[in-house]
Amino acid sequence: MSNSCYFEKKVLVTGGSGFVGSSLLKKLRERKCKVFTLDMANEIEIDAPYSSKIDITKLTQVRR
């Protein structure tokens, strides 16, 4: 990931508590991105200030 491409951008990461998602969150936060994450996990332990537990296949949950 290039710093200039993502620096201070707003980024949505789905599956932020998974292996790939959590690694991506870490890299994006290092680049000062404003990270939003959505996950289905019952207990979300995500290092992101904006996170929600939802199922993105359920349209009613996504619209909230």
N, C-alpha and C. Protein backbone atom coordinates (compact mmCIF):
# COMPACT_ATOMS: atom_id res chain seq x y z
N MET A 1 0.84 -1.19 0.00
CA MET A 1 0.00 0.00 0.00
C MET A 1 0.87 1.25 0.00
N SER A 2 0.60 2.09 -0.92
CA SER A 2 1.33 3.35 -1.00
C SER A 2 0.74 4.35 -0.01
N ASN A 3 1.58 5.06 0.70
CA ASN A 3 1.10 6.06 1.66
C ASN A 3 0.26 7.14 1.00
N SER A 4 0.68 7.63 -0.15
CA SER A 4 -0.01 8.74 -0.79
C SER A 4 -1.41 8.36 -1.25
N CYS A 5 -1.62 7.14 -1.61
CA CYS A 5 -2.91 6.69 -2.13
C CYS A 5 -3.99 6.65 -1.05
N TYR A 6 -3.64 6.24 0.16
CA TYR A 6 -4.63 6.06 1.22
C TYR A 6 -4.53 7.08 2.35
N PHE A 7 -3.56 7.94 2.35
CA PHE A 7 -3.32 8.86 3.46
C PHE A 7 -4.56 9.72 3.75
N GLU A 8 -5.04 9.64 4.98
CA GLU A 8 -6.18 10.41 5.48
C GLU A 8 -7.48 10.18 4.71
N LYS A 9 -7.67 9.01 4.14
CA LYS A 9 -8.91 8.68 3.42
C LYS A 9 -9.88 7.99 4.37
N LYS A 10 -11.16 8.01 4.01
CA LYS A 10 -12.18 7.23 4.72
C LYS A 10 -12.26 5.87 4.03
N VAL A 11 -12.15 4.80 4.84
CA VAL A 11 -12.11 3.45 4.29
C VAL A 11 -13.05 2.55 5.07
N LEU A 12 -13.86 1.75 4.36
CA LEU A 12 -14.74 0.76 4.98
C LEU A 12 -14.11 -0.61 4.80
N VAL A 13 -13.95 -1.34 5.91
CA VAL A 13 -13.41 -2.70 5.87
C VAL A 13 -14.49 -3.63 6.40
N THR A 14 -14.90 -4.60 5.57
CA THR A 14 -15.84 -5.61 6.05
C THR A 14 -15.03 -6.79 6.57
N GLY A 15 -15.51 -7.41 7.64
CA GLY A 15 -14.78 -8.54 8.22
C GLY A 15 -13.53 -8.09 8.97
N GLY A 16 -13.64 -6.99 9.69
CA GLY A 16 -12.49 -6.40 10.37
C GLY A 16 -11.90 -7.23 11.49
N SER A 17 -12.63 -8.23 11.99
CA SER A 17 -12.07 -9.05 13.08
C SER A 17 -11.36 -10.29 12.55
N GLY A 18 -11.43 -10.53 11.25
CA GLY A 18 -10.75 -11.68 10.66
C GLY A 18 -9.26 -11.42 10.47
N PHE A 19 -8.56 -12.44 10.00
CA PHE A 19 -7.11 -12.34 9.82
C PHE A 19 -6.73 -11.25 8.83
N VAL A 20 -7.32 -11.29 7.65
CA VAL A 20 -7.00 -10.30 6.62
C VAL A 20 -7.50 -8.92 7.02
N GLY A 21 -8.75 -8.86 7.49
CA GLY A 21 -9.35 -7.58 7.88
C GLY A 21 -8.59 -6.88 8.98
N SER A 22 -8.18 -7.62 10.00
CA SER A 22 -7.45 -6.99 11.11
C SER A 22 -6.08 -6.50 10.68
N SER A 23 -5.43 -7.24 9.78
CA SER A 23 -4.13 -6.80 9.25
C SER A 23 -4.29 -5.54 8.41
N LEU A 24 -5.35 -5.52 7.60
CA LEU A 24 -5.63 -4.35 6.77
C LEU A 24 -5.95 -3.13 7.63
N LEU A 25 -6.74 -3.33 8.69
CA LEU A 25 -7.06 -2.23 9.61
C LEU A 25 -5.80 -1.61 10.20
N LYS A 26 -4.89 -2.46 10.61
CA LYS A 26 -3.65 -1.97 11.21
C LYS A 26 -2.87 -1.10 10.22
N LYS A 27 -2.74 -1.58 8.99
CA LYS A 27 -1.99 -0.82 7.97
C LYS A 27 -2.69 0.50 7.65
N LEU A 28 -4.01 0.48 7.54
CA LEU A 28 -4.74 1.70 7.22
C LEU A 28 -4.64 2.72 8.34
N ARG A 29 -4.70 2.25 9.58
CA ARG A 29 -4.57 3.17 10.73
C ARG A 29 -3.17 3.79 10.77
N GLU A 30 -2.16 3.02 10.38
CA GLU A 30 -0.79 3.57 10.31
C GLU A 30 -0.72 4.71 9.30
N ARG A 31 -1.58 4.65 8.29
CA ARG A 31 -1.61 5.68 7.24
C ARG A 31 -2.62 6.78 7.55
N LYS A 32 -3.04 6.84 8.82
CA LYS A 32 -3.94 7.90 9.30
C LYS A 32 -5.30 7.91 8.60
N CYS A 33 -5.76 6.75 8.15
CA CYS A 33 -7.08 6.65 7.53
C CYS A 33 -8.16 6.67 8.60
N LYS A 34 -9.32 7.18 8.24
CA LYS A 34 -10.49 7.11 9.10
C LYS A 34 -11.18 5.79 8.72
N VAL A 35 -11.01 4.77 9.56
CA VAL A 35 -11.45 3.42 9.22
C VAL A 35 -12.79 3.10 9.85
N PHE A 36 -13.70 2.59 9.03
CA PHE A 36 -15.00 2.09 9.47
C PHE A 36 -14.97 0.59 9.22
N THR A 37 -15.50 -0.20 10.14
CA THR A 37 -15.51 -1.64 9.92
C THR A 37 -16.86 -2.24 10.29
N LEU A 38 -17.24 -3.26 9.52
CA LEU A 38 -18.47 -4.01 9.74
C LEU A 38 -18.08 -5.47 9.89
N ASP A 39 -18.72 -6.15 10.84
CA ASP A 39 -18.38 -7.55 11.08
C ASP A 39 -19.57 -8.28 11.65
N MET A 40 -19.64 -9.60 11.44
CA MET A 40 -20.71 -10.43 11.99
C MET A 40 -20.31 -11.09 13.30
N ALA A 41 -19.07 -10.98 13.71
CA ALA A 41 -18.58 -11.66 14.91
C ALA A 41 -19.38 -11.23 16.14
N ASN A 42 -19.65 -12.19 17.02
CA ASN A 42 -20.40 -11.89 18.24
C ASN A 42 -19.66 -10.92 19.14
N GLU A 43 -18.38 -11.16 19.32
CA GLU A 43 -17.58 -10.27 20.16
C GLU A 43 -16.53 -9.61 19.28
N ILE A 44 -16.76 -8.36 19.00
CA ILE A 44 -15.84 -7.63 18.15
C ILE A 44 -14.75 -6.99 18.99
N GLU A 45 -13.52 -7.38 18.72
CA GLU A 45 -12.37 -6.75 19.37
C GLU A 45 -11.53 -6.15 18.26
N ILE A 46 -11.97 -5.00 17.80
CA ILE A 46 -11.35 -4.36 16.66
C ILE A 46 -10.77 -3.02 17.08
N ASP A 47 -9.58 -2.76 16.62
CA ASP A 47 -8.93 -1.48 16.93
C ASP A 47 -9.34 -0.44 15.88
N ALA A 48 -10.61 -0.09 15.90
CA ALA A 48 -11.13 0.93 14.98
C ALA A 48 -12.18 1.73 15.73
N PRO A 49 -12.13 3.05 15.63
CA PRO A 49 -13.09 3.86 16.38
C PRO A 49 -14.53 3.73 15.88
N TYR A 50 -14.71 3.33 14.64
CA TYR A 50 -16.04 3.21 14.06
C TYR A 50 -16.26 1.77 13.63
N SER A 51 -16.98 0.99 14.45
CA SER A 51 -17.23 -0.40 14.09
C SER A 51 -18.66 -0.77 14.47
N SER A 52 -19.23 -1.67 13.68
CA SER A 52 -20.59 -2.14 13.92
C SER A 52 -20.67 -3.63 13.67
N LYS A 53 -21.51 -4.30 14.47
CA LYS A 53 -21.76 -5.72 14.28
C LYS A 53 -23.02 -5.85 13.43
N ILE A 54 -22.85 -6.15 12.15
CA ILE A 54 -24.00 -6.36 11.27
C ILE A 54 -23.69 -7.45 10.26
N ASP A 55 -24.75 -7.97 9.66
CA ASP A 55 -24.65 -8.93 8.57
C ASP A 55 -24.94 -8.16 7.29
N ILE A 56 -23.93 -7.95 6.45
CA ILE A 56 -24.12 -7.12 5.27
C ILE A 56 -25.02 -7.77 4.22
N THR A 57 -25.38 -9.05 4.41
CA THR A 57 -26.33 -9.68 3.49
C THR A 57 -27.77 -9.34 3.86
N LYS A 58 -27.96 -8.69 5.00
CA LYS A 58 -29.30 -8.27 5.46
C LYS A 58 -29.45 -6.78 5.18
N LEU A 59 -30.20 -6.44 4.15
CA LEU A 59 -30.34 -5.07 3.69
C LEU A 59 -30.84 -4.13 4.79
N THR A 60 -31.74 -4.61 5.64
CA THR A 60 -32.28 -3.75 6.70
C THR A 60 -31.19 -3.33 7.69
N GLN A 61 -30.22 -4.20 7.95
CA GLN A 61 -29.13 -3.86 8.86
C GLN A 61 -28.16 -2.87 8.22
N VAL A 62 -27.94 -3.01 6.93
CA VAL A 62 -27.01 -2.13 6.22
C VAL A 62 -27.56 -0.72 6.13
N ARG A 63 -28.85 -0.58 5.97
CA ARG A 63 -29.47 0.73 5.82
C ARG A 63 -29.46 1.55 7.09
N ARG A 64 -29.26 0.93 8.26
CA ARG A 64 -29.26 1.68 9.52
C ARG A 64 -28.19 2.66 9.50
